[in-house]
Amino acid sequence: MDITIKIKDRKGQLHKVKAPTDMALNLMQVIRVYILEAAGTIGLCGGIALCHTCQCFALNDVNLPEKGEAELATLSRLPNSKTNSRLSCQILVTVGLEGLEIEIAPLF
């Protein structure tokens, strides 16, 4: 089953994308697949919550998974972190994310 996610890139352009829920993808991988940002600017740590390059802001009230310790630690070090900040590598694409809207955070 595919879900629809709206993603605003760093240039302010809104993309409405389809993402499969049966491939164990995370949001960072979806951003990469659709090439919504330049190569080498998303997920430099490979998706293990050590860098900030996949940080995004959740823009609507979709039930996201709780932040884990590694994600909280990384977000706590970021000067542009907000209460709605998430690391897209830590959010698995599931049916529950249908209608999610995110904005990719600036690199700094």
C-alpha atoms as a PDB file:
ATOM      1  CA  MET A   1       0.000   0.000   0.000  1.00  0.00           C
ATOM      2  CA  ASP A   2       1.230   3.476  -0.859  1.00  0.00           C
ATOM      3  CA  ILE A   3       0.621   6.573   1.235  1.00  0.00           C
ATOM      4  CA  THR A   4       0.803  10.233   0.271  1.00  0.00           C
ATOM      5  CA  ILE A   5       3.232  12.590   2.011  1.00  0.00           C
ATOM      6  CA  LYS A   6       3.747  16.298   1.347  1.00  0.00           C
ATOM      7  CA  ILE A   7       7.357  17.437   1.573  1.00  0.00           C
ATOM      8  CA  LYS A   8       8.546  21.040   1.343  1.00  0.00           C
ATOM      9  CA  ASP A   9      12.155  21.169   0.160  1.00  0.00           C
ATOM     10  CA  ARG A  10      14.820  23.661   1.254  1.00  0.00           C
ATOM     11  CA  LYS A  11      13.893  25.979  -1.623  1.00  0.00           C
ATOM     12  CA  GLY A  12      10.285  26.159  -0.426  1.00  0.00           C
ATOM     13  CA  GLN A  13       8.831  23.981  -3.200  1.00  0.00           C
ATOM     14  CA  LEU A  14       6.072  21.593  -2.116  1.00  0.00           C
ATOM     15  CA  HIS A  15       6.162  18.007  -3.390  1.00  0.00           C
ATOM     16  CA  LYS A  16       3.314  15.521  -3.053  1.00  0.00           C
ATOM     17  CA  VAL A  17       4.900  12.059  -3.126  1.00  0.00           C
ATOM     18  CA  LYS A  18       3.755   8.461  -2.873  1.00  0.00           C
ATOM     19  CA  ALA A  19       5.661   6.166  -0.520  1.00  0.00           C
ATOM     20  CA  PRO A  20       5.259   2.395  -0.150  1.00  0.00           C
ATOM     21  CA  THR A  21       4.538   1.042   3.321  1.00  0.00           C
ATOM     22  CA  ASP A  22       5.753  -2.481   2.559  1.00  0.00           C
ATOM     23  CA  MET A  23       9.453  -1.800   1.895  1.00  0.00           C
ATOM     24  CA  ALA A  24      10.691  -0.760   5.379  1.00  0.00           C
ATOM     25  CA  LEU A  25      11.717   2.673   4.097  1.00  0.00           C
ATOM     26  CA  ASN A  26      12.231   5.713   6.280  1.00  0.00           C
ATOM     27  CA  LEU A  27      11.402   9.301   5.309  1.00  0.00           C
ATOM     28  CA  MET A  28      15.044  10.128   4.587  1.00  0.00           C
ATOM     29  CA  GLN A  29      15.112   7.374   1.980  1.00  0.00           C
ATOM     30  CA  VAL A  30      11.900   8.689   0.417  1.00  0.00           C
ATOM     31  CA  ILE A  31      13.483  12.155   0.124  1.00  0.00           C
ATOM     32  CA  ARG A  32      16.522  10.580  -1.548  1.00  0.00           C
ATOM     33  CA  VAL A  33      14.459   8.416  -3.945  1.00  0.00           C
ATOM     34  CA  TYR A  34      12.556  11.456  -5.204  1.00  0.00           C
ATOM     35  CA  ILE A  35      15.816  13.506  -5.312  1.00  0.00           C
ATOM     36  CA  LEU A  36      14.195  16.374  -3.413  1.00  0.00           C
ATOM     37  CA  GLU A  37      17.588  17.669  -2.293  1.00  0.00           C
ATOM     38  CA  ALA A  38      21.039  17.585  -3.856  1.00  0.00           C
ATOM     39  CA  ALA A  39      23.078  14.413  -3.461  1.00  0.00           C
ATOM     40  CA  GLY A  40      25.281  14.542  -0.383  1.00  0.00           C
ATOM     41  CA  THR A  41      22.992  16.869   1.580  1.00  0.00           C
ATOM     42  CA  ILE A  42      20.566  14.345   3.127  1.00  0.00           C
ATOM     43  CA  GLY A  43      21.522  11.555   5.517  1.00  0.00           C
ATOM     44  CA  LEU A  44      25.292  11.881   5.605  1.00  0.00           C
ATOM     45  CA  CYS A  45      25.490   9.455   8.548  1.00  0.00           C
ATOM     46  CA  GLY A  46      23.599   6.820   6.591  1.00  0.00           C
ATOM     47  CA  GLY A  47      20.484   7.018   8.713  1.00  0.00           C
ATOM     48  CA  ILE A  48      21.787   6.215  12.189  1.00  0.00           C
ATOM     49  CA  ALA A  49      20.719   9.511  13.821  1.00  0.00           C
ATOM     50  CA  LEU A  50      24.238  10.909  14.189  1.00  0.00           C
ATOM     51  CA  CYS A  51      24.054  13.887  11.862  1.00  0.00           C
ATOM     52  CA  HIS A  52      21.494  16.604  11.307  1.00  0.00           C
ATOM     53  CA  THR A  53      21.285  16.575   7.518  1.00  0.00           C
ATOM     54  CA  CYS A  54      17.892  14.844   7.378  1.00  0.00           C
ATOM     55  CA  GLN A  55      16.264  17.040  10.010  1.00  0.00           C
ATOM     56  CA  CYS A  56      12.721  18.023   9.140  1.00  0.00           C
ATOM     57  CA  PHE A  57       9.823  19.814  10.768  1.00  0.00           C
ATOM     58  CA  ALA A  58       6.479  18.022  11.141  1.00  0.00           C
ATOM     59  CA  LEU A  59       3.851  20.487   9.953  1.00  0.00           C
ATOM     60  CA  ASN A  60       0.625  18.691  10.810  1.00  0.00           C
ATOM     61  CA  ASP A  61      -0.786  16.481  13.510  1.00  0.00           C
ATOM     62  CA  VAL A  62       0.040  12.966  12.335  1.00  0.00           C
ATOM     63  CA  ASN A  63       0.817  10.362  14.961  1.00  0.00           C
ATOM     64  CA  LEU A  64       4.601  10.044  14.612  1.00  0.00           C
ATOM     65  CA  PRO A  65       6.618   7.470  16.548  1.00  0.00           C
ATOM     66  CA  GLU A  66       8.274   8.624  19.769  1.00  0.00           C
ATOM     67  CA  LYS A  67      11.768  10.073  19.489  1.00  0.00           C
ATOM     68  CA  GLY A  68      14.448   7.615  20.527  1.00  0.00           C
ATOM     69  CA  GLU A  69      17.532   8.435  22.611  1.00  0.00           C
ATOM     70  CA  ALA A  70      19.855   8.853  19.618  1.00  0.00           C
ATOM     71  CA  GLU A  71      17.410  11.176  17.858  1.00  0.00           C
ATOM     72  CA  LEU A  72      16.874  13.258  20.997  1.00  0.00           C
ATOM     73  CA  ALA A  73      20.637  13.550  21.528  1.00  0.00           C
ATOM     74  CA  THR A  74      21.254  14.733  17.970  1.00  0.00           C
ATOM     75  CA  LEU A  75      18.353  17.186  17.991  1.00  0.00           C
ATOM     76  CA  SER A  76      19.530  18.639  21.319  1.00  0.00           C
ATOM     77  CA  ARG A  77      22.786  19.739  19.664  1.00  0.00           C
ATOM     78  CA  LEU A  78      21.140  21.651  16.829  1.00  0.00           C
ATOM     79  CA  PRO A  79      20.740  25.423  17.000  1.00  0.00           C
ATOM     80  CA  ASN A  80      17.669  25.343  14.725  1.00  0.00           C
ATOM     81  CA  SER A  81      15.879  22.482  16.493  1.00  0.00           C
ATOM     82  CA  LYS A  82      12.204  23.080  17.307  1.00  0.00           C
ATOM     83  CA  THR A  83       9.585  21.133  19.218  1.00  0.00           C
ATOM     84  CA  ASN A  84       8.366  19.703  15.896  1.00  0.00           C
ATOM     85  CA  SER A  85      11.878  18.750  14.723  1.00  0.00           C
ATOM     86  CA  ARG A  86      12.499  15.171  13.700  1.00  0.00           C
ATOM     87  CA  LEU A  87      15.241  13.227  11.996  1.00  0.00           C
ATOM     88  CA  SER A  88      13.590  11.797   8.905  1.00  0.00           C
ATOM     89  CA  CYS A  89      15.876   8.744   9.061  1.00  0.00           C
ATOM     90  CA  GLN A  90      14.159   7.733  12.294  1.00  0.00           C
ATOM     91  CA  ILE A  91      10.601   7.747  10.921  1.00  0.00           C
ATOM     92  CA  LEU A  92       9.574   4.500   9.271  1.00  0.00           C
ATOM     93  CA  VAL A  93       7.018   4.843   6.471  1.00  0.00           C
ATOM     94  CA  THR A  94       3.808   3.242   7.746  1.00  0.00           C
ATOM     95  CA  VAL A  95       0.109   3.496   6.935  1.00  0.00           C
ATOM     96  CA  GLY A  96      -0.261   5.793   9.960  1.00  0.00           C
ATOM     97  CA  LEU A  97       1.769   8.485   8.184  1.00  0.00           C
ATOM     98  CA  GLU A  98      -0.875   9.001   5.478  1.00  0.00           C
ATOM     99  CA  GLY A  99      -1.245  12.751   4.919  1.00  0.00           C
ATOM    100  CA  LEU A 100       1.956  13.697   6.777  1.00  0.00           C
ATOM    101  CA  GLU A 101       3.363  17.117   5.881  1.00  0.00           C
ATOM    102  CA  ILE A 102       7.010  17.909   6.548  1.00  0.00           C
ATOM    103  CA  GLU A 103       9.493  20.637   5.732  1.00  0.00           C
ATOM    104  CA  ILE A 104      13.153  19.742   5.261  1.00  0.00           C
ATOM    105  CA  ALA A 105      15.173  21.864   7.676  1.00  0.00           C
ATOM    106  CA  PRO A 106      17.918  24.157   6.396  1.00  0.00           C
ATOM    107  CA  LEU A 107      21.444  22.831   6.816  1.00  0.00           C
ATOM    108  CA  PHE A 108      22.263  26.013   8.861  1.00  0.00           C
END
